Amino acid sequence: MNRLFSNNTFYYFFLIVVGINFLGSIGGISKETDILILKILGMITVAVCLLALLSFFTDLKFNHLFFKIYLYGKGLLSPFCLLIYFLYEKITNDRYVSGTYFMPALFRLVLGFVMLVLYNKYKIEKNR
């Protein structure tokens, strides 16, 4: 079953994190919003999480590409952009949103970085 990573613990940890993110993304698109870009970003997030989740169960040469898109997009880029936005809000409007969104975004950024380091350590790439 595990032909993607050399460590089974990381395989199941990564699978659980991607599964939880997929369920959270599905819950996120069910929220009502009038802003079109938020709906589009929600759909893109669901698609990226779904591709990463399906990559665990298929044997394609694109699996690691989907994992990299997931790790860089959902794991690093998304929380980094949120942190930049929170810094912008603090500087321009003197609002500090630490308890609400800042700490979860920081946690997601650290988790994404740790997962990226572990991914690069344990991945098994086949030359096809």
C-alpha atoms as a PDB file:
ATOM      1  CA  MET A   1       0.000   0.000   0.000  1.00  0.00           C
ATOM      2  CA  ASN A   2       2.793   2.427   0.840  1.00  0.00           C
ATOM      3  CA  ARG A   3       4.890   2.872  -2.286  1.00  0.00           C
ATOM      4  CA  LEU A   4       5.026   6.649  -1.972  1.00  0.00           C
ATOM      5  CA  PHE A   5       7.011   7.130   1.244  1.00  0.00           C
ATOM      6  CA  SER A   6       9.758   5.204   3.001  1.00  0.00           C
ATOM      7  CA  ASN A   7       8.231   5.767   6.457  1.00  0.00           C
ATOM      8  CA  ASN A   8       4.787   4.333   7.283  1.00  0.00           C
ATOM      9  CA  THR A   9       4.260   6.728  10.208  1.00  0.00           C
ATOM     10  CA  PHE A  10       4.668   9.747   7.945  1.00  0.00           C
ATOM     11  CA  TYR A  11       2.429   8.132   5.336  1.00  0.00           C
ATOM     12  CA  TYR A  12      -0.475   7.788   7.778  1.00  0.00           C
ATOM     13  CA  PHE A  13       0.178  11.188   9.387  1.00  0.00           C
ATOM     14  CA  PHE A  14       0.151  12.857   5.969  1.00  0.00           C
ATOM     15  CA  LEU A  15      -2.987  10.912   4.987  1.00  0.00           C
ATOM     16  CA  ILE A  16      -4.802  12.034   8.157  1.00  0.00           C
ATOM     17  CA  VAL A  17      -3.797  15.692   7.702  1.00  0.00           C
ATOM     18  CA  VAL A  18      -4.896  15.706   4.050  1.00  0.00           C
ATOM     19  CA  GLY A  19      -8.176  13.977   4.962  1.00  0.00           C
ATOM     20  CA  ILE A  20      -8.936  16.505   7.708  1.00  0.00           C
ATOM     21  CA  ASN A  21      -8.101  19.384   5.354  1.00  0.00           C
ATOM     22  CA  PHE A  22     -10.368  17.886   2.699  1.00  0.00           C
ATOM     23  CA  LEU A  23     -13.282  17.637   5.138  1.00  0.00           C
ATOM     24  CA  GLY A  24     -12.624  21.177   6.361  1.00  0.00           C
ATOM     25  CA  SER A  25     -12.515  22.454   2.792  1.00  0.00           C
ATOM     26  CA  ILE A  26     -15.855  20.834   2.031  1.00  0.00           C
ATOM     27  CA  GLY A  27     -17.268  22.510   5.127  1.00  0.00           C
ATOM     28  CA  GLY A  28     -15.762  25.809   4.004  1.00  0.00           C
ATOM     29  CA  ILE A  29     -17.524  25.861   0.641  1.00  0.00           C
ATOM     30  CA  SER A  30     -20.893  25.266   2.271  1.00  0.00           C
ATOM     31  CA  LYS A  31     -20.743  28.686   3.967  1.00  0.00           C
ATOM     32  CA  GLU A  32     -22.858  31.395   2.380  1.00  0.00           C
ATOM     33  CA  THR A  33     -20.903  34.281   0.896  1.00  0.00           C
ATOM     34  CA  ASP A  34     -21.630  36.888  -1.737  1.00  0.00           C
ATOM     35  CA  ILE A  35     -17.995  37.305  -2.712  1.00  0.00           C
ATOM     36  CA  LEU A  36     -17.302  35.310  -5.862  1.00  0.00           C
ATOM     37  CA  ILE A  37     -13.539  35.036  -5.370  1.00  0.00           C
ATOM     38  CA  LEU A  38     -14.054  33.293  -2.010  1.00  0.00           C
ATOM     39  CA  LYS A  39     -16.294  30.716  -3.667  1.00  0.00           C
ATOM     40  CA  ILE A  40     -13.721  30.137  -6.408  1.00  0.00           C
ATOM     41  CA  LEU A  41     -10.861  29.824  -3.904  1.00  0.00           C
ATOM     42  CA  GLY A  42     -12.958  27.387  -1.885  1.00  0.00           C
ATOM     43  CA  MET A  43     -13.534  25.212  -4.946  1.00  0.00           C
ATOM     44  CA  ILE A  44      -9.827  25.297  -5.834  1.00  0.00           C
ATOM     45  CA  THR A  45      -8.965  24.299  -2.263  1.00  0.00           C
ATOM     46  CA  VAL A  46     -11.372  21.362  -2.399  1.00  0.00           C
ATOM     47  CA  ALA A  47      -9.922  20.257  -5.750  1.00  0.00           C
ATOM     48  CA  VAL A  48      -6.325  20.427  -4.477  1.00  0.00           C
ATOM     49  CA  CYS A  49      -7.196  18.508  -1.300  1.00  0.00           C
ATOM     50  CA  LEU A  50      -9.166  15.918  -3.279  1.00  0.00           C
ATOM     51  CA  LEU A  51      -6.290  15.370  -5.725  1.00  0.00           C
ATOM     52  CA  ALA A  52      -3.831  14.972  -2.850  1.00  0.00           C
ATOM     53  CA  LEU A  53      -6.181  12.571  -1.063  1.00  0.00           C
ATOM     54  CA  LEU A  54      -6.749  10.473  -4.187  1.00  0.00           C
ATOM     55  CA  SER A  55      -2.998  10.356  -4.768  1.00  0.00           C
ATOM     56  CA  PHE A  56      -2.630   8.153  -1.711  1.00  0.00           C
ATOM     57  CA  PHE A  57      -4.769   5.443  -3.304  1.00  0.00           C
ATOM     58  CA  THR A  58      -3.635   5.559  -6.938  1.00  0.00           C
ATOM     59  CA  ASP A  59      -0.355   4.626  -8.560  1.00  0.00           C
ATOM     60  CA  LEU A  60       0.291   7.423 -11.029  1.00  0.00           C
ATOM     61  CA  LYS A  61       3.468   9.214 -11.923  1.00  0.00           C
ATOM     62  CA  PHE A  62       1.765  12.510 -11.012  1.00  0.00           C
ATOM     63  CA  ASN A  63       1.204  11.652  -7.329  1.00  0.00           C
ATOM     64  CA  HIS A  64       4.211  13.574  -6.051  1.00  0.00           C
ATOM     65  CA  LEU A  65       3.243  16.560  -8.202  1.00  0.00           C
ATOM     66  CA  PHE A  66      -0.175  16.663  -6.497  1.00  0.00           C
ATOM     67  CA  PHE A  67       1.483  16.354  -3.084  1.00  0.00           C
ATOM     68  CA  LYS A  68       3.817  19.242  -3.890  1.00  0.00           C
ATOM     69  CA  ILE A  69       0.925  21.413  -5.067  1.00  0.00           C
ATOM     70  CA  TYR A  70      -0.896  20.588  -1.832  1.00  0.00           C
ATOM     71  CA  LEU A  71       2.116  21.268   0.389  1.00  0.00           C
ATOM     72  CA  TYR A  72       3.180  24.501  -1.269  1.00  0.00           C
ATOM     73  CA  GLY A  73      -0.320  25.841  -1.932  1.00  0.00           C
ATOM     74  CA  LYS A  74      -2.391  24.740   1.031  1.00  0.00           C
ATOM     75  CA  GLY A  75       0.421  24.161   3.502  1.00  0.00           C
ATOM     76  CA  LEU A  76       2.668  27.162   2.945  1.00  0.00           C
ATOM     77  CA  LEU A  77       1.259  29.782   0.583  1.00  0.00           C
ATOM     78  CA  SER A  78      -2.245  30.058   2.024  1.00  0.00           C
ATOM     79  CA  PRO A  79      -1.215  30.596   5.683  1.00  0.00           C
ATOM     80  CA  PHE A  80       1.641  32.881   4.626  1.00  0.00           C
ATOM     81  CA  CYS A  81      -0.798  35.118   2.730  1.00  0.00           C
ATOM     82  CA  LEU A  82      -3.096  35.169   5.768  1.00  0.00           C
ATOM     83  CA  LEU A  83      -0.215  36.221   8.016  1.00  0.00           C
ATOM     84  CA  ILE A  84       0.739  38.997   5.591  1.00  0.00           C
ATOM     85  CA  TYR A  85      -2.892  40.170   5.587  1.00  0.00           C
ATOM     86  CA  PHE A  86      -2.988  40.168   9.402  1.00  0.00           C
ATOM     87  CA  LEU A  87       0.235  42.172   9.489  1.00  0.00           C
ATOM     88  CA  TYR A  88      -1.300  44.622   7.015  1.00  0.00           C
ATOM     89  CA  GLU A  89      -4.412  44.960   9.214  1.00  0.00           C
ATOM     90  CA  LYS A  90      -2.255  45.586  12.269  1.00  0.00           C
ATOM     91  CA  ILE A  91      -0.188  48.265  10.562  1.00  0.00           C
ATOM     92  CA  THR A  92      -2.959  50.114   8.709  1.00  0.00           C
ATOM     93  CA  ASN A  93      -6.011  49.747  10.956  1.00  0.00           C
ATOM     94  CA  ASP A  94      -4.360  48.924  14.294  1.00  0.00           C
ATOM     95  CA  ARG A  95      -6.473  45.780  14.633  1.00  0.00           C
ATOM     96  CA  TYR A  96      -4.938  42.688  16.160  1.00  0.00           C
ATOM     97  CA  VAL A  97      -6.725  39.435  15.351  1.00  0.00           C
ATOM     98  CA  SER A  98      -4.463  37.090  17.297  1.00  0.00           C
ATOM     99  CA  GLY A  99      -7.024  34.938  19.062  1.00  0.00           C
ATOM    100  CA  THR A 100      -9.254  34.521  16.057  1.00  0.00           C
ATOM    101  CA  TYR A 101      -7.117  33.850  13.003  1.00  0.00           C
ATOM    102  CA  PHE A 102      -3.460  34.710  13.588  1.00  0.00           C
ATOM    103  CA  MET A 103      -2.479  31.743  15.744  1.00  0.00           C
ATOM    104  CA  PRO A 104      -4.242  29.111  13.576  1.00  0.00           C
ATOM    105  CA  ALA A 105      -2.575  30.577  10.476  1.00  0.00           C
ATOM    106  CA  LEU A 106       0.801  30.492  12.215  1.00  0.00           C
ATOM    107  CA  PHE A 107       0.181  26.878  13.273  1.00  0.00           C
ATOM    108  CA  ARG A 108      -0.783  25.926   9.709  1.00  0.00           C
ATOM    109  CA  LEU A 109       2.379  27.580   8.388  1.00  0.00           C
ATOM    110  CA  VAL A 110       4.614  25.719  10.863  1.00  0.00           C
ATOM    111  CA  LEU A 111       2.778  22.437  10.200  1.00  0.00           C
ATOM    112  CA  GLY A 112       3.117  22.958   6.446  1.00  0.00           C
ATOM    113  CA  PHE A 113       6.840  23.626   6.779  1.00  0.00           C
ATOM    114  CA  VAL A 114       7.373  20.532   8.959  1.00  0.00           C
ATOM    115  CA  MET A 115       5.353  18.397   6.541  1.00  0.00           C
ATOM    116  CA  LEU A 116       7.374  19.722   3.592  1.00  0.00           C
ATOM    117  CA  VAL A 117      10.667  18.868   5.302  1.00  0.00           C
ATOM    118  CA  LEU A 118       9.419  15.375   6.217  1.00  0.00           C
ATOM    119  CA  TYR A 119       7.975  14.908   2.726  1.00  0.00           C
ATOM    120  CA  ASN A 120      11.330  15.695   1.118  1.00  0.00           C
ATOM    121  CA  LYS A 121      13.029  13.298   3.530  1.00  0.00           C
ATOM    122  CA  TYR A 122      10.701  10.300   3.112  1.00  0.00           C
ATOM    123  CA  LYS A 123       9.391  10.477  -0.461  1.00  0.00           C
ATOM    124  CA  ILE A 124      10.138   7.661  -2.865  1.00  0.00           C
ATOM    125  CA  GLU A 125      10.211   8.787  -6.475  1.00  0.00           C
ATOM    126  CA  LYS A 126      10.247   6.168  -9.175  1.00  0.00           C
ATOM    127  CA  ASN A 127      11.898   6.812 -12.495  1.00  0.00           C
ATOM    128  CA  ARG A 128       9.405   5.748 -15.119  1.00  0.00           C
END
